[in-house]
PDB file of all heavy atoms in Angstrom:
ATOM      1  N   ILE A   1     124.678 150.531  68.228  1.00  0.00           N
ATOM      2  CA  ILE A   1     126.076 150.353  67.806  1.00  0.00           C
ATOM      3  C   ILE A   1     126.822 151.670  67.917  1.00  0.00           C
ATOM      4  O   ILE A   1     127.946 151.716  68.433  1.00  0.00           O
ATOM      5  CB  ILE A   1     126.137 149.785  66.369  1.00  0.00           C
ATOM      6  CG1 ILE A   1     125.639 148.338  66.354  1.00  0.00           C
ATOM      7  CG2 ILE A   1     127.558 149.878  65.804  1.00  0.00           C
ATOM      8  CD1 ILE A   1     125.380 147.781  64.970  1.00  0.00           C
ATOM      9  N   LEU A   2     126.201 152.746  67.447  1.00  0.00           N
ATOM     10  CA  LEU A   2     126.844 154.060  67.533  1.00  0.00           C
ATOM     11  C   LEU A   2     126.998 154.508  68.983  1.00  0.00           C
ATOM     12  O   LEU A   2     128.016 155.091  69.350  1.00  0.00           O
ATOM     13  CB  LEU A   2     126.046 155.094  66.739  1.00  0.00           C
ATOM     14  CG  LEU A   2     126.089 154.916  65.229  1.00  0.00           C
ATOM     15  CD1 LEU A   2     125.105 155.858  64.554  1.00  0.00           C
ATOM     16  CD2 LEU A   2     127.493 155.142  64.701  1.00  0.00           C
ATOM     17  N   PHE A   3     125.995 154.221  69.814  1.00  0.00           N
ATOM     18  CA  PHE A   3     126.095 154.585  71.230  1.00  0.00           C
ATOM     19  C   PHE A   3     127.297 153.887  71.873  1.00  0.00           C
ATOM     20  O   PHE A   3     128.026 154.495  72.654  1.00  0.00           O
ATOM     21  CB  PHE A   3     124.819 154.200  71.985  1.00  0.00           C
ATOM     22  CG  PHE A   3     123.603 155.018  71.624  1.00  0.00           C
ATOM     23  CD1 PHE A   3     122.337 154.522  71.869  1.00  0.00           C
ATOM     24  CD2 PHE A   3     123.713 156.278  71.052  1.00  0.00           C
ATOM     25  CE1 PHE A   3     121.208 155.259  71.560  1.00  0.00           C
ATOM     26  CE2 PHE A   3     122.587 157.036  70.726  1.00  0.00           C
ATOM     27  CZ  PHE A   3     121.336 156.512  70.980  1.00  0.00           C
ATOM     28  N   ARG A   4     127.487 152.621  71.541  1.00  0.00           N
ATOM     29  CA  ARG A   4     128.640 151.894  72.084  1.00  0.00           C
ATOM     30  C   ARG A   4     129.949 152.444  71.527  1.00  0.00           C
ATOM     31  O   ARG A   4     130.940 152.575  72.250  1.00  0.00           O
ATOM     32  CB  ARG A   4     128.518 150.405  71.770  1.00  0.00           C
ATOM     33  CG  ARG A   4     127.715 149.676  72.811  1.00  0.00           C
ATOM     34  CD  ARG A   4     127.778 148.169  72.634  1.00  0.00           C
ATOM     35  NE  ARG A   4     126.394 147.722  72.432  1.00  0.00           N
ATOM     36  CZ  ARG A   4     125.928 147.133  71.357  1.00  0.00           C
ATOM     37  NH1 ARG A   4     126.718 146.842  70.361  1.00  0.00           N
ATOM     38  NH2 ARG A   4     124.665 146.795  71.269  1.00  0.00           N
ATOM     39  N   GLN A   5     129.953 152.764  70.243  1.00  0.00           N
ATOM     40  CA  GLN A   5     131.161 153.292  69.598  1.00  0.00           C
ATOM     41  C   GLN A   5     131.634 154.582  70.278  1.00  0.00           C
ATOM     42  O   GLN A   5     132.823 154.780  70.469  1.00  0.00           O
ATOM     43  CB  GLN A   5     130.876 153.573  68.123  1.00  0.00           C
ATOM     44  CG  GLN A   5     132.036 154.194  67.371  1.00  0.00           C
ATOM     45  CD  GLN A   5     131.664 154.537  65.932  1.00  0.00           C
ATOM     46  OE1 GLN A   5     130.705 154.010  65.378  1.00  0.00           O
ATOM     47  NE2 GLN A   5     132.423 155.425  65.341  1.00  0.00           N
ATOM     48  N   TYR A   6     130.682 155.440  70.647  1.00  0.00           N
ATOM     49  CA  TYR A   6     131.029 156.713  71.282  1.00  0.00           C
ATOM     50  C   TYR A   6     131.002 156.654  72.809  1.00  0.00           C
ATOM     51  O   TYR A   6     131.182 157.669  73.475  1.00  0.00           O
ATOM     52  CB  TYR A   6     130.102 157.823  70.777  1.00  0.00           C
ATOM     53  CG  TYR A   6     130.310 158.137  69.317  1.00  0.00           C
ATOM     54  CD1 TYR A   6     129.316 157.915  68.379  1.00  0.00           C
ATOM     55  CD2 TYR A   6     131.524 158.644  68.869  1.00  0.00           C
ATOM     56  CE1 TYR A   6     129.508 158.202  67.037  1.00  0.00           C
ATOM     57  CE2 TYR A   6     131.730 158.932  67.527  1.00  0.00           C
ATOM     58  CZ  TYR A   6     130.717 158.707  66.625  1.00  0.00           C
ATOM     59  OH  TYR A   6     130.924 158.990  65.298  1.00  0.00           O
ATOM     60  N   HIS A   7     130.751 155.477  73.370  1.00  0.00           N
ATOM     61  CA  HIS A   7     130.749 155.270  74.829  1.00  0.00           C
ATOM     62  C   HIS A   7     129.773 156.213  75.540  1.00  0.00           C
ATOM     63  O   HIS A   7     130.126 156.855  76.526  1.00  0.00           O
ATOM     64  CB  HIS A   7     132.159 155.434  75.409  1.00  0.00           C
ATOM     65  CG  HIS A   7     133.187 154.615  74.719  1.00  0.00           C
ATOM     66  ND1 HIS A   7     133.256 153.251  74.841  1.00  0.00           N
ATOM     67  CD2 HIS A   7     134.174 154.961  73.838  1.00  0.00           C
ATOM     68  CE1 HIS A   7     134.252 152.791  74.100  1.00  0.00           C
ATOM     69  NE2 HIS A   7     134.817 153.804  73.477  1.00  0.00           N
ATOM     70  N   LEU A   8     128.545 156.274  75.030  1.00  0.00           N
ATOM     71  CA  LEU A   8     127.548 157.153  75.624  1.00  0.00           C
ATOM     72  C   LEU A   8     126.864 156.462  76.805  1.00  0.00           C
ATOM     73  O   LEU A   8     126.571 155.274  76.747  1.00  0.00           O
ATOM     74  CB  LEU A   8     126.488 157.546  74.590  1.00  0.00           C
ATOM     75  CG  LEU A   8     126.987 158.268  73.339  1.00  0.00           C
ATOM     76  CD1 LEU A   8     125.796 158.732  72.501  1.00  0.00           C
ATOM     77  CD2 LEU A   8     127.892 159.430  73.670  1.00  0.00           C
ATOM     78  N   ASN A   9     126.623 157.243  77.862  1.00  0.00           N
ATOM     79  CA  ASN A   9     125.905 156.698  79.005  1.00  0.00           C
ATOM     80  C   ASN A   9     124.396 156.796  78.760  1.00  0.00           C
ATOM     81  O   ASN A   9     123.944 157.319  77.737  1.00  0.00           O
ATOM     82  CB  ASN A   9     126.326 157.385  80.312  1.00  0.00           C
ATOM     83  CG  ASN A   9     125.966 158.860  80.339  1.00  0.00           C
ATOM     84  OD1 ASN A   9     124.939 159.286  79.816  1.00  0.00           O
ATOM     85  ND2 ASN A   9     126.817 159.658  80.955  1.00  0.00           N
ATOM     86  N   LYS A  10     123.612 156.310  79.696  1.00  0.00           N
ATOM     87  CA  LYS A  10     122.159 156.237  79.530  1.00  0.00           C
ATOM     88  C   LYS A  10     121.547 157.606  79.254  1.00  0.00           C
ATOM     89  O   LYS A  10     120.730 157.766  78.348  1.00  0.00           O
ATOM     90  CB  LYS A  10     121.524 155.622  80.781  1.00  0.00           C
ATOM     91  CG  LYS A  10     120.033 155.481  80.687  1.00  0.00           C
ATOM     92  CD  LYS A  10     119.447 154.900  81.963  1.00  0.00           C
ATOM     93  CE  LYS A  10     117.932 154.886  81.869  1.00  0.00           C
ATOM     94  NZ  LYS A  10     117.315 154.457  83.114  1.00  0.00           N
ATOM     95  N   ARG A  11     121.931 158.613  80.012  1.00  0.00           N
ATOM     96  CA  ARG A  11     121.369 159.956  79.850  1.00  0.00           C
ATOM     97  C   ARG A  11     121.754 160.553  78.500  1.00  0.00           C
ATOM     98  O   ARG A  11     120.935 161.170  77.823  1.00  0.00           O
ATOM     99  CB  ARG A  11     121.830 160.863  80.995  1.00  0.00           C
ATOM    100  CG  ARG A  11     121.234 162.250  80.940  1.00  0.00           C
ATOM    101  CD  ARG A  11     119.729 162.228  81.080  1.00  0.00           C
ATOM    102  NE  ARG A  11     119.383 162.211  82.477  1.00  0.00           N
ATOM    103  CZ  ARG A  11     118.142 162.156  82.936  1.00  0.00           C
ATOM    104  NH1 ARG A  11     117.126 162.102  82.108  1.00  0.00           N
ATOM    105  NH2 ARG A  11     117.899 162.129  84.209  1.00  0.00           N
ATOM    106  N   GLU A  12     122.996 160.349  78.090  1.00  0.00           N
ATOM    107  CA  GLU A  12     123.442 160.854  76.787  1.00  0.00           C
ATOM    108  C   GLU A  12     122.666 160.194  75.649  1.00  0.00           C
ATOM    109  O   GLU A  12     122.302 160.854  74.676  1.00  0.00           O
ATOM    110  CB  GLU A  12     124.945 160.629  76.624  1.00  0.00           C
ATOM    111  CG  GLU A  12     125.781 161.474  77.571  1.00  0.00           C
ATOM    112  CD  GLU A  12     127.218 161.016  77.699  1.00  0.00           C
ATOM    113  OE1 GLU A  12     127.530 159.863  77.345  1.00  0.00           O
ATOM    114  OE2 GLU A  12     128.038 161.815  78.165  1.00  0.00           O
ATOM    115  N   LYS A  13     122.380 158.910  75.797  1.00  0.00           N
ATOM    116  CA  LYS A  13     121.580 158.197  74.793  1.00  0.00           C
ATOM    117  C   LYS A  13     120.180 158.801  74.701  1.00  0.00           C
ATOM    118  O   LYS A  13     119.656 159.012  73.606  1.00  0.00           O
ATOM    119  CB  LYS A  13     121.458 156.710  75.138  1.00  0.00           C
ATOM    120  CG  LYS A  13     122.735 155.937  75.026  1.00  0.00           C
ATOM    121  CD  LYS A  13     122.485 154.506  75.498  1.00  0.00           C
ATOM    122  CE  LYS A  13     123.765 153.730  75.647  1.00  0.00           C
ATOM    123  NZ  LYS A  13     123.524 152.358  76.131  1.00  0.00           N
ATOM    124  N   GLU A  14     119.577 159.071  75.851  1.00  0.00           N
ATOM    125  CA  GLU A  14     118.244 159.666  75.878  1.00  0.00           C
ATOM    126  C   GLU A  14     118.243 161.019  75.171  1.00  0.00           C
ATOM    127  O   GLU A  14     117.331 161.316  74.387  1.00  0.00           O
ATOM    128  CB  GLU A  14     117.758 159.848  77.321  1.00  0.00           C
ATOM    129  CG  GLU A  14     117.481 158.571  78.062  1.00  0.00           C
ATOM    130  CD  GLU A  14     117.219 158.785  79.543  1.00  0.00           C
ATOM    131  OE1 GLU A  14     117.735 159.760  80.130  1.00  0.00           O
ATOM    132  OE2 GLU A  14     116.495 157.956  80.109  1.00  0.00           O
ATOM    133  N   ILE A  15     119.270 161.803  75.435  1.00  0.00           N
ATOM    134  CA  ILE A  15     119.358 163.129  74.830  1.00  0.00           C
ATOM    135  C   ILE A  15     119.529 163.024  73.319  1.00  0.00           C
ATOM    136  O   ILE A  15     118.876 163.742  72.557  1.00  0.00           O
ATOM    137  CB  ILE A  15     120.481 163.962  75.490  1.00  0.00           C
ATOM    138  CG1 ILE A  15     120.052 164.329  76.922  1.00  0.00           C
ATOM    139  CG2 ILE A  15     120.803 165.204  74.668  1.00  0.00           C
ATOM    140  CD1 ILE A  15     121.109 164.981  77.761  1.00  0.00           C
ATOM    141  N   VAL A  16     120.376 162.119  72.866  1.00  0.00           N
ATOM    142  CA  VAL A  16     120.579 161.945  71.419  1.00  0.00           C
ATOM    143  C   VAL A  16     119.273 161.512  70.756  1.00  0.00           C
ATOM    144  O   VAL A  16     118.910 162.036  69.698  1.00  0.00           O
ATOM    145  CB  VAL A  16     121.713 160.940  71.120  1.00  0.00           C
ATOM    146  CG1 VAL A  16     121.722 160.549  69.651  1.00  0.00           C
ATOM    147  CG2 VAL A  16     123.058 161.530  71.512  1.00  0.00           C
ATOM    148  N   LYS A  17     118.553 160.593  71.358  1.00  0.00           N
ATOM    149  CA  LYS A  17     117.274 160.144  70.788  1.00  0.00           C
ATOM    150  C   LYS A  17     116.290 161.306  70.678  1.00  0.00           C
ATOM    151  O   LYS A  17     115.585 161.446  69.675  1.00  0.00           O
ATOM    152  CB  LYS A  17     116.675 159.010  71.619  1.00  0.00           C
ATOM    153  CG  LYS A  17     117.403 157.699  71.446  1.00  0.00           C
ATOM    154  CD  LYS A  17     116.805 156.615  72.319  1.00  0.00           C
ATOM    155  CE  LYS A  17     117.576 155.315  72.194  1.00  0.00           C
ATOM    156  NZ  LYS A  17     117.041 154.259  73.069  1.00  0.00           N
ATOM    157  N   LEU A  18     116.243 162.149  71.705  1.00  0.00           N
ATOM    158  CA  LEU A  18     115.355 163.310  71.665  1.00  0.00           C
ATOM    159  C   LEU A  18     115.815 164.326  70.620  1.00  0.00           C
ATOM    160  O   LEU A  18     114.998 164.955  69.948  1.00  0.00           O
ATOM    161  CB  LEU A  18     115.244 163.946  73.049  1.00  0.00           C
ATOM    162  CG  LEU A  18     114.473 163.109  74.079  1.00  0.00           C
ATOM    163  CD1 LEU A  18     114.653 163.670  75.480  1.00  0.00           C
ATOM    164  CD2 LEU A  18     113.004 163.027  73.707  1.00  0.00           C
ATOM    165  N   LEU A  19     117.120 164.482  70.480  1.00  0.00           N
ATOM    166  CA  LEU A  19     117.668 165.361  69.430  1.00  0.00           C
ATOM    167  C   LEU A  19     117.259 164.866  68.054  1.00  0.00           C
ATOM    168  O   LEU A  19     116.828 165.644  67.196  1.00  0.00           O
ATOM    169  CB  LEU A  19     119.197 165.382  69.496  1.00  0.00           C
ATOM    170  CG  LEU A  19     119.882 166.414  70.343  1.00  0.00           C
ATOM    171  CD1 LEU A  19     121.381 166.193  70.320  1.00  0.00           C
ATOM    172  CD2 LEU A  19     119.541 167.803  69.902  1.00  0.00           C
ATOM    173  N   LEU A  20     117.396 163.570  67.836  1.00  0.00           N
ATOM    174  CA  LEU A  20     117.054 162.989  66.542  1.00  0.00           C
ATOM    175  C   LEU A  20     115.565 163.122  66.236  1.00  0.00           C
ATOM    176  O   LEU A  20     115.166 163.141  65.072  1.00  0.00           O
ATOM    177  CB  LEU A  20     117.470 161.514  66.486  1.00  0.00           C
ATOM    178  CG  LEU A  20     118.975 161.260  66.473  1.00  0.00           C
ATOM    179  CD1 LEU A  20     119.270 159.775  66.591  1.00  0.00           C
ATOM    180  CD2 LEU A  20     119.621 161.844  65.226  1.00  0.00           C
ATOM    181  N   ALA A  21     114.753 163.242  67.275  1.00  0.00           N
ATOM    182  CA  ALA A  21     113.316 163.441  67.093  1.00  0.00           C
ATOM    183  C   ALA A  21     112.973 164.907  66.845  1.00  0.00           C
ATOM    184  O   ALA A  21     111.813 165.250  66.650  1.00  0.00           O
ATOM    185  CB  ALA A  21     112.562 162.921  68.312  1.00  0.00           C
ATOM    186  N   GLY A  22     113.997 165.780  66.868  1.00  0.00           N
ATOM    187  CA  GLY A  22     113.787 167.192  66.559  1.00  0.00           C
ATOM    188  C   GLY A  22     113.435 168.081  67.729  1.00  0.00           C
ATOM    189  O   GLY A  22     112.961 169.197  67.548  1.00  0.00           O
ATOM    190  N   ASN A  23     113.681 167.614  68.940  1.00  0.00           N
ATOM    191  CA  ASN A  23     113.350 168.395  70.133  1.00  0.00           C
ATOM    192  C   ASN A  23     114.341 169.520  70.389  1.00  0.00           C
ATOM    193  O   ASN A  23     115.541 169.376  70.146  1.00  0.00           O
ATOM    194  CB  ASN A  23     113.296 167.490  71.363  1.00  0.00           C
ATOM    195  CG  ASN A  23     112.107 166.566  71.337  1.00  0.00           C
ATOM    196  OD1 ASN A  23     110.993 166.993  71.567  1.00  0.00           O
ATOM    197  ND2 ASN A  23     112.343 165.307  71.036  1.00  0.00           N
ATOM    198  N   SER A  24     113.834 170.613  70.924  1.00  0.00           N
ATOM    199  CA  SER A  24     114.673 171.739  71.335  1.00  0.00           C
ATOM    200  C   SER A  24     115.303 171.434  72.691  1.00  0.00           C
ATOM    201  O   SER A  24     114.909 170.475  73.370  1.00  0.00           O
ATOM    202  CB  SER A  24     113.824 173.003  71.458  1.00  0.00           C
ATOM    203  OG  SER A  24     112.902 172.853  72.530  1.00  0.00           O
ATOM    204  N   ASN A  25     116.262 172.279  73.100  1.00  0.00           N
ATOM    205  CA  ASN A  25     116.865 172.100  74.426  1.00  0.00           C
ATOM    206  C   ASN A  25     115.802 172.165  75.520  1.00  0.00           C
ATOM    207  O   ASN A  25     115.826 171.393  76.468  1.00  0.00           O
ATOM    208  CB  ASN A  25     117.941 173.160  74.683  1.00  0.00           C
ATOM    209  CG  ASN A  25     119.224 172.884  73.943  1.00  0.00           C
ATOM    210  OD1 ASN A  25     119.377 171.851  73.295  1.00  0.00           O
ATOM    211  ND2 ASN A  25     120.158 173.806  74.015  1.00  0.00           N
ATOM    212  N   LYS A  26     114.855 173.100  75.377  1.00  0.00           N
ATOM    213  CA  LYS A  26     113.801 173.240  76.389  1.00  0.00           C
ATOM    214  C   LYS A  26     112.926 171.990  76.437  1.00  0.00           C
ATOM    215  O   LYS A  26     112.597 171.506  77.525  1.00  0.00           O
ATOM    216  CB  LYS A  26     112.949 174.473  76.114  1.00  0.00           C
ATOM    217  CG  LYS A  26     111.837 174.637  77.133  1.00  0.00           C
ATOM    218  CD  LYS A  26     111.266 176.006  77.169  1.00  0.00           C
ATOM    219  CE  LYS A  26     110.156 176.207  78.159  1.00  0.00           C
ATOM    220  NZ  LYS A  26     109.986 175.285  79.231  1.00  0.00           N
ATOM    221  N   ALA A  27     112.566 171.462  75.280  1.00  0.00           N
ATOM    222  CA  ALA A  27     111.736 170.256  75.244  1.00  0.00           C
ATOM    223  C   ALA A  27     112.476 169.070  75.855  1.00  0.00           C
ATOM    224  O   ALA A  27     111.881 168.260  76.576  1.00  0.00           O
ATOM    225  CB  ALA A  27     111.320 169.941  73.811  1.00  0.00           C
ATOM    226  N   ILE A  28     113.778 168.973  75.570  1.00  0.00           N
ATOM    227  CA  ILE A  28     114.595 167.899  76.153  1.00  0.00           C
ATOM    228  C   ILE A  28     114.642 168.057  77.671  1.00  0.00           C
ATOM    229  O   ILE A  28     114.441 167.097  78.418  1.00  0.00           O
ATOM    230  CB  ILE A  28     116.011 167.886  75.550  1.00  0.00           C
ATOM    231  CG1 ILE A  28     115.944 167.495  74.069  1.00  0.00           C
ATOM    232  CG2 ILE A  28     116.930 166.935  76.325  1.00  0.00           C
ATOM    233  CD1 ILE A  28     117.250 167.690  73.312  1.00  0.00           C
ATOM    234  N   ALA A  29     114.888 169.284  78.119  1.00  0.00           N
ATOM    235  CA  ALA A  29     114.946 169.552  79.559  1.00  0.00           C
ATOM    236  C   ALA A  29     113.628 169.190  80.233  1.00  0.00           C
ATOM    237  O   ALA A  29     113.619 168.545  81.284  1.00  0.00           O
ATOM    238  CB  ALA A  29     115.289 171.025  79.797  1.00  0.00           C
ATOM    239  N   ASP A  30     112.522 169.585  79.627  1.00  0.00           N
ATOM    240  CA  ASP A  30     111.207 169.295  80.208  1.00  0.00           C
ATOM    241  C   ASP A  30     110.930 167.793  80.271  1.00  0.00           C
ATOM    242  O   ASP A  30     110.462 167.290  81.287  1.00  0.00           O
ATOM    243  CB  ASP A  30     110.101 169.995  79.411  1.00  0.00           C
ATOM    244  CG  ASP A  30     110.119 171.504  79.590  1.00  0.00           C
ATOM    245  OD1 ASP A  30     110.773 171.996  80.534  1.00  0.00           O
ATOM    246  OD2 ASP A  30     109.485 172.196  78.760  1.00  0.00           O
ATOM    247  N   SER A  31     111.234 167.089  79.195  1.00  0.00           N
ATOM    248  CA  SER A  31     110.899 165.658  79.177  1.00  0.00           C
ATOM    249  C   SER A  31     111.806 164.830  80.084  1.00  0.00           C
ATOM    250  O   SER A  31     111.395 163.787  80.573  1.00  0.00           O
ATOM    251  CB  SER A  31     110.915 165.107  77.755  1.00  0.00           C
ATOM    252  OG  SER A  31     112.202 165.127  77.230  1.00  0.00           O
ATOM    253  N   LEU A  32     113.036 165.303  80.326  1.00  0.00           N
ATOM    254  CA  LEU A  32     113.959 164.556  81.194  1.00  0.00           C
ATOM    255  C   LEU A  32     114.056 165.152  82.601  1.00  0.00           C
ATOM    256  O   LEU A  32     114.863 164.694  83.412  1.00  0.00           O
ATOM    257  CB  LEU A  32     115.351 164.504  80.554  1.00  0.00           C
ATOM    258  CG  LEU A  32     115.434 163.779  79.212  1.00  0.00           C
ATOM    259  CD1 LEU A  32     116.858 163.849  78.660  1.00  0.00           C
ATOM    260  CD2 LEU A  32     114.992 162.333  79.340  1.00  0.00           C
ATOM    261  N   HIS A  33     113.248 166.179  82.863  1.00  0.00           N
ATOM    262  CA  HIS A  33     113.239 166.853  84.164  1.00  0.00           C
ATOM    263  C   HIS A  33     114.623 167.393  84.530  1.00  0.00           C
ATOM    264  O   HIS A  33     115.129 167.182  85.636  1.00  0.00           O
ATOM    265  CB  HIS A  33     112.702 165.922  85.262  1.00  0.00           C
ATOM    266  CG  HIS A  33     111.386 165.319  84.920  1.00  0.00           C
ATOM    267  ND1 HIS A  33     110.217 166.054  84.848  1.00  0.00           N
ATOM    268  CD2 HIS A  33     111.042 164.055  84.574  1.00  0.00           C
ATOM    269  CE1 HIS A  33     109.225 165.270  84.492  1.00  0.00           C
ATOM    270  NE2 HIS A  33     109.691 164.047  84.313  1.00  0.00           N
ATOM    271  N   LEU A  34     115.229 168.092  83.559  1.00  0.00           N
ATOM    272  CA  LEU A  34     116.530 168.723  83.748  1.00  0.00           C
ATOM    273  C   LEU A  34     116.387 170.222  83.529  1.00  0.00           C
ATOM    274  O   LEU A  34     115.382 170.680  82.991  1.00  0.00           O
ATOM    275  CB  LEU A  34     117.543 168.180  82.721  1.00  0.00           C
ATOM    276  CG  LEU A  34     117.813 166.679  82.706  1.00  0.00           C
ATOM    277  CD1 LEU A  34     118.650 166.308  81.494  1.00  0.00           C
ATOM    278  CD2 LEU A  34     118.512 166.261  83.980  1.00  0.00           C
ATOM    279  N   THR A  35     117.412 170.977  83.917  1.00  0.00           N
ATOM    280  CA  THR A  35     117.421 172.398  83.582  1.00  0.00           C
ATOM    281  C   THR A  35     117.983 172.564  82.170  1.00  0.00           C
ATOM    282  O   THR A  35     118.689 171.684  81.662  1.00  0.00           O
ATOM    283  CB  THR A  35     118.289 173.212  84.559  1.00  0.00           C
ATOM    284  OG1 THR A  35     119.656 172.840  84.382  1.00  0.00           O
ATOM    285  CG2 THR A  35     117.857 172.996  86.011  1.00  0.00           C
ATOM    286  N   ILE A  36     117.682 173.700  81.569  1.00  0.00           N
ATOM    287  CA  ILE A  36     118.206 173.970  80.228  1.00  0.00           C
ATOM    288  C   ILE A  36     119.731 174.013  80.266  1.00  0.00           C
ATOM    289  O   ILE A  36     120.395 173.518  79.345  1.00  0.00           O
ATOM    290  CB  ILE A  36     117.614 175.274  79.659  1.00  0.00           C
ATOM    291  CG1 ILE A  36     116.127 175.077  79.383  1.00  0.00           C
ATOM    292  CG2 ILE A  36     118.339 175.699  78.389  1.00  0.00           C
ATOM    293  CD1 ILE A  36     115.403 176.295  78.868  1.00  0.00           C
ATOM    294  N   ASN A  37     120.297 174.576  81.332  1.00  0.00           N
ATOM    295  CA  ASN A  37     121.753 174.630  81.439  1.00  0.00           C
ATOM    296  C   ASN A  37     122.371 173.235  81.513  1.00  0.00           C
ATOM    297  O   ASN A  37     123.460 173.001  80.982  1.00  0.00           O
ATOM    298  CB  ASN A  37     122.184 175.471  82.642  1.00  0.00           C
ATOM    299  CG  ASN A  37     121.978 176.945  82.399  1.00  0.00           C
ATOM    300  OD1 ASN A  37     121.985 177.399  81.247  1.00  0.00           O
ATOM    301  ND2 ASN A  37     121.770 177.696  83.462  1.00  0.00           N
ATOM    302  N   THR A  38     121.689 172.300  82.160  1.00  0.00           N
ATOM    303  CA  THR A  38     122.178 170.925  82.216  1.00  0.00           C
ATOM    304  C   THR A  38     122.161 170.305  80.822  1.00  0.00           C
ATOM    305  O   THR A  38     123.106 169.623  80.424  1.00  0.00           O
ATOM    306  CB  THR A  38     121.341 170.080  83.199  1.00  0.00           C
ATOM    307  OG1 THR A  38     121.404 170.687  84.492  1.00  0.00           O
ATOM    308  CG2 THR A  38     121.848 168.653  83.277  1.00  0.00           C
ATOM    309  N   VAL A  39     121.104 170.559  80.069  1.00  0.00           N
ATOM    310  CA  VAL A  39     121.018 170.043  78.699  1.00  0.00           C
ATOM    311  C   VAL A  39     122.136 170.647  77.845  1.00  0.00           C
ATOM    312  O   VAL A  39     122.794 169.939  77.080  1.00  0.00           O
ATOM    313  CB  VAL A  39     119.628 170.322  78.076  1.00  0.00           C
ATOM    314  CG1 VAL A  39     119.610 169.952  76.601  1.00  0.00           C
ATOM    315  CG2 VAL A  39     118.549 169.576  78.835  1.00  0.00           C
ATOM    316  N   LYS A  40     122.389 171.936  78.006  1.00  0.00           N
ATOM    317  CA  LYS A  40     123.472 172.585  77.256  1.00  0.00           C
ATOM    318  C   LYS A  40     124.824 171.969  77.615  1.00  0.00           C
ATOM    319  O   LYS A  40     125.671 171.762  76.746  1.00  0.00           O
ATOM    320  CB  LYS A  40     123.493 174.089  77.533  1.00  0.00           C
ATOM    321  CG  LYS A  40     122.355 174.831  76.890  1.00  0.00           C
ATOM    322  CD  LYS A  40     122.427 176.321  77.228  1.00  0.00           C
ATOM    323  CE  LYS A  40     121.259 177.071  76.641  1.00  0.00           C
ATOM    324  NZ  LYS A  40     121.312 178.503  76.975  1.00  0.00           N
ATOM    325  N   ALA A  41     125.002 171.646  78.885  1.00  0.00           N
ATOM    326  CA  ALA A  41     126.254 171.008  79.320  1.00  0.00           C
ATOM    327  C   ALA A  41     126.397 169.631  78.676  1.00  0.00           C
ATOM    328  O   ALA A  41     127.488 169.245  78.235  1.00  0.00           O
ATOM    329  CB  ALA A  41     126.298 170.903  80.841  1.00  0.00           C
ATOM    330  N   TYR A  42     125.289 168.887  78.615  1.00  0.00           N
ATOM    331  CA  TYR A  42     125.311 167.587  77.937  1.00  0.00           C
ATOM    332  C   TYR A  42     125.636 167.743  76.459  1.00  0.00           C
ATOM    333  O   TYR A  42     126.348 166.916  75.889  1.00  0.00           O
ATOM    334  CB  TYR A  42     123.978 166.846  78.104  1.00  0.00           C
ATOM    335  CG  TYR A  42     123.903 165.983  79.339  1.00  0.00           C
ATOM    336  CD1 TYR A  42     123.069 166.305  80.389  1.00  0.00           C
ATOM    337  CD2 TYR A  42     124.677 164.834  79.455  1.00  0.00           C
ATOM    338  CE1 TYR A  42     122.995 165.513  81.521  1.00  0.00           C
ATOM    339  CE2 TYR A  42     124.619 164.032  80.576  1.00  0.00           C
ATOM    340  CZ  TYR A  42     123.776 164.376  81.605  1.00  0.00           C
ATOM    341  OH  TYR A  42     123.720 163.579  82.728  1.00  0.00           O
ATOM    342  N   MET A  43     125.129 168.786  75.833  1.00  0.00           N
ATOM    343  CA  MET A  43     125.416 169.024  74.406  1.00  0.00           C
ATOM    344  C   MET A  43     126.917 169.235  74.197  1.00  0.00           C
ATOM    345  O   MET A  43     127.509 168.698  73.254  1.00  0.00           O
ATOM    346  CB  MET A  43     124.654 170.238  73.877  1.00  0.00           C
ATOM    347  CG  MET A  43     123.172 170.075  73.818  1.00  0.00           C
ATOM    348  SD  MET A  43     122.670 168.765  72.706  1.00  0.00           S
ATOM    349  CE  MET A  43     120.945 168.743  73.066  1.00  0.00           C
ATOM    350  N   LYS A  44     127.536 170.013  75.071  1.00  0.00           N
ATOM    351  CA  LYS A  44     128.982 170.238  74.979  1.00  0.00           C
ATOM    352  C   LYS A  44     129.740 168.937  75.183  1.00  0.00           C
ATOM    353  O   LYS A  44     130.691 168.632  74.461  1.00  0.00           O
ATOM    354  CB  LYS A  44     129.427 171.273  76.013  1.00  0.00           C
ATOM    355  CG  LYS A  44     129.030 172.681  75.674  1.00  0.00           C
ATOM    356  CD  LYS A  44     129.511 173.658  76.738  1.00  0.00           C
ATOM    357  CE  LYS A  44     128.994 175.039  76.438  1.00  0.00           C
ATOM    358  NZ  LYS A  44     129.389 176.016  77.464  1.00  0.00           N
TER     359      LYS A  44
END
């Protein structure tokens, strides 16, 4: 419901779920095969 409310796309949803699990930017980047800078851009 919250994902729909904020109009989050699939990748943003994945990142939020990983954030809620307590993952760092590096852990998020590693698990989604992204660079840390890409994760930081998603955070912004």
